[in-house]
């Protein structure tokens, strides 16, 4: 098994001590595995995608525009 050393800021380490029942090593390993599985799924989806970068940018701009119109304009009363 490989060992990984993680630097934890002192204030966070102090808070972690409140949860002495928690196996932080096990928690971190599970979170790393979850992240890797999630990335594998995303990469699999992206590999099959037919969207081009400009398509993604266009969709992104449309979403941002709609959100702007929905929230910003209603806040300023336009």
C-alpha atoms as a PDB file:
ATOM      1  CA  UNK A   1       0.000   0.000   0.000  1.00  0.00           C
ATOM      2  CA  UNK A   2       1.257   3.498  -0.831  1.00  0.00           C
ATOM      3  CA  UNK A   3       1.438   6.126   1.865  1.00  0.00           C
ATOM      4  CA  UNK A   4       0.184   9.637   1.187  1.00  0.00           C
ATOM      5  CA  UNK A   5       1.062  12.574   3.419  1.00  0.00           C
ATOM      6  CA  UNK A   6      -1.503  15.362   3.558  1.00  0.00           C
ATOM      7  CA  UNK A   7      -0.818  18.788   5.048  1.00  0.00           C
ATOM      8  CA  UNK A   8      -3.850  19.985   6.983  1.00  0.00           C
ATOM      9  CA  UNK A   9      -4.046  23.620   8.123  1.00  0.00           C
ATOM     10  CA  UNK A  10      -3.907  23.900  11.914  1.00  0.00           C
ATOM     11  CA  UNK A  11      -7.401  25.350  12.257  1.00  0.00           C
ATOM     12  CA  UNK A  12      -8.903  22.450  10.297  1.00  0.00           C
ATOM     13  CA  UNK A  13      -6.858  19.877  12.238  1.00  0.00           C
ATOM     14  CA  UNK A  14      -8.222  21.405  15.459  1.00  0.00           C
ATOM     15  CA  UNK A  15     -11.800  21.026  14.159  1.00  0.00           C
ATOM     16  CA  UNK A  16     -11.105  17.452  13.037  1.00  0.00           C
ATOM     17  CA  UNK A  17     -10.151  16.527  16.620  1.00  0.00           C
ATOM     18  CA  UNK A  18     -13.808  17.076  17.571  1.00  0.00           C
ATOM     19  CA  UNK A  19     -14.625  13.988  15.505  1.00  0.00           C
ATOM     20  CA  UNK A  20     -12.290  11.480  17.131  1.00  0.00           C
ATOM     21  CA  UNK A  21     -14.643   8.652  16.131  1.00  0.00           C
ATOM     22  CA  UNK A  22     -13.967   9.412  12.452  1.00  0.00           C
ATOM     23  CA  UNK A  23     -11.407   7.327  10.622  1.00  0.00           C
ATOM     24  CA  UNK A  24     -10.023  10.118   8.480  1.00  0.00           C
ATOM     25  CA  UNK A  25      -7.769   7.808   6.509  1.00  0.00           C
ATOM     26  CA  UNK A  26     -10.737   5.663   5.473  1.00  0.00           C
ATOM     27  CA  UNK A  27     -12.774   8.778   4.676  1.00  0.00           C
ATOM     28  CA  UNK A  28     -10.064  10.195   2.420  1.00  0.00           C
ATOM     29  CA  UNK A  29      -9.584   6.893   0.605  1.00  0.00           C
ATOM     30  CA  UNK A  30     -13.341   6.646  -0.045  1.00  0.00           C
ATOM     31  CA  UNK A  31     -13.454  10.245  -1.283  1.00  0.00           C
ATOM     32  CA  UNK A  32     -10.498   9.639  -3.613  1.00  0.00           C
ATOM     33  CA  UNK A  33     -12.148   6.510  -5.013  1.00  0.00           C
ATOM     34  CA  UNK A  34     -15.440   8.378  -5.482  1.00  0.00           C
ATOM     35  CA  UNK A  35     -13.647  11.199  -7.297  1.00  0.00           C
ATOM     36  CA  UNK A  36     -11.793   8.797  -9.592  1.00  0.00           C
ATOM     37  CA  UNK A  37     -15.006   6.905 -10.423  1.00  0.00           C
ATOM     38  CA  UNK A  38     -16.797  10.167 -11.112  1.00  0.00           C
ATOM     39  CA  UNK A  39     -13.987  11.329 -13.417  1.00  0.00           C
ATOM     40  CA  UNK A  40     -14.036   7.984 -15.222  1.00  0.00           C
ATOM     41  CA  UNK A  41     -17.749   8.427 -15.921  1.00  0.00           C
ATOM     42  CA  UNK A  42     -17.238  11.997 -17.144  1.00  0.00           C
ATOM     43  CA  UNK A  43     -14.347  10.968 -19.377  1.00  0.00           C
ATOM     44  CA  UNK A  44     -16.453   8.130 -20.801  1.00  0.00           C
ATOM     45  CA  UNK A  45     -19.291  10.528 -21.604  1.00  0.00           C
ATOM     46  CA  UNK A  46     -16.915  13.057 -23.143  1.00  0.00           C
ATOM     47  CA  UNK A  47     -15.274  10.411 -25.297  1.00  0.00           C
ATOM     48  CA  UNK A  48     -18.665   9.608 -26.854  1.00  0.00           C
ATOM     49  CA  UNK A  49     -19.752  13.236 -27.216  1.00  0.00           C
ATOM     50  CA  UNK A  50     -20.169  14.703 -30.671  1.00  0.00           C
ATOM     51  CA  UNK A  51     -20.167  18.283 -29.358  1.00  0.00           C
ATOM     52  CA  UNK A  52     -17.403  20.521 -30.581  1.00  0.00           C
ATOM     53  CA  UNK A  53     -15.771  23.147 -28.385  1.00  0.00           C
ATOM     54  CA  UNK A  54     -17.631  25.935 -30.167  1.00  0.00           C
ATOM     55  CA  UNK A  55     -20.939  24.101 -29.534  1.00  0.00           C
ATOM     56  CA  UNK A  56     -20.182  23.974 -25.828  1.00  0.00           C
ATOM     57  CA  UNK A  57     -19.276  27.670 -25.814  1.00  0.00           C
ATOM     58  CA  UNK A  58     -22.537  28.532 -27.575  1.00  0.00           C
ATOM     59  CA  UNK A  59     -24.586  26.529 -25.055  1.00  0.00           C
ATOM     60  CA  UNK A  60     -22.625  28.136 -22.208  1.00  0.00           C
ATOM     61  CA  UNK A  61     -23.344  31.620 -23.569  1.00  0.00           C
ATOM     62  CA  UNK A  62     -27.047  30.842 -23.988  1.00  0.00           C
ATOM     63  CA  UNK A  63     -27.318  29.601 -20.421  1.00  0.00           C
ATOM     64  CA  UNK A  64     -25.461  32.626 -19.039  1.00  0.00           C
ATOM     65  CA  UNK A  65     -27.635  35.000 -21.064  1.00  0.00           C
ATOM     66  CA  UNK A  66     -30.830  33.356 -19.852  1.00  0.00           C
ATOM     67  CA  UNK A  67     -29.643  33.413 -16.240  1.00  0.00           C
ATOM     68  CA  UNK A  68     -28.685  37.067 -16.605  1.00  0.00           C
ATOM     69  CA  UNK A  69     -32.109  37.934 -17.998  1.00  0.00           C
ATOM     70  CA  UNK A  70     -33.900  35.893 -15.347  1.00  0.00           C
ATOM     71  CA  UNK A  71     -32.047  37.121 -12.273  1.00  0.00           C
ATOM     72  CA  UNK A  72     -30.212  40.347 -13.004  1.00  0.00           C
ATOM     73  CA  UNK A  73     -32.883  42.124 -14.989  1.00  0.00           C
ATOM     74  CA  UNK A  74     -35.608  41.214 -12.490  1.00  0.00           C
ATOM     75  CA  UNK A  75     -33.433  42.498  -9.615  1.00  0.00           C
ATOM     76  CA  UNK A  76     -32.918  45.925 -11.199  1.00  0.00           C
ATOM     77  CA  UNK A  77     -36.512  46.124 -12.439  1.00  0.00           C
ATOM     78  CA  UNK A  78     -35.649  46.213 -16.130  1.00  0.00           C
END
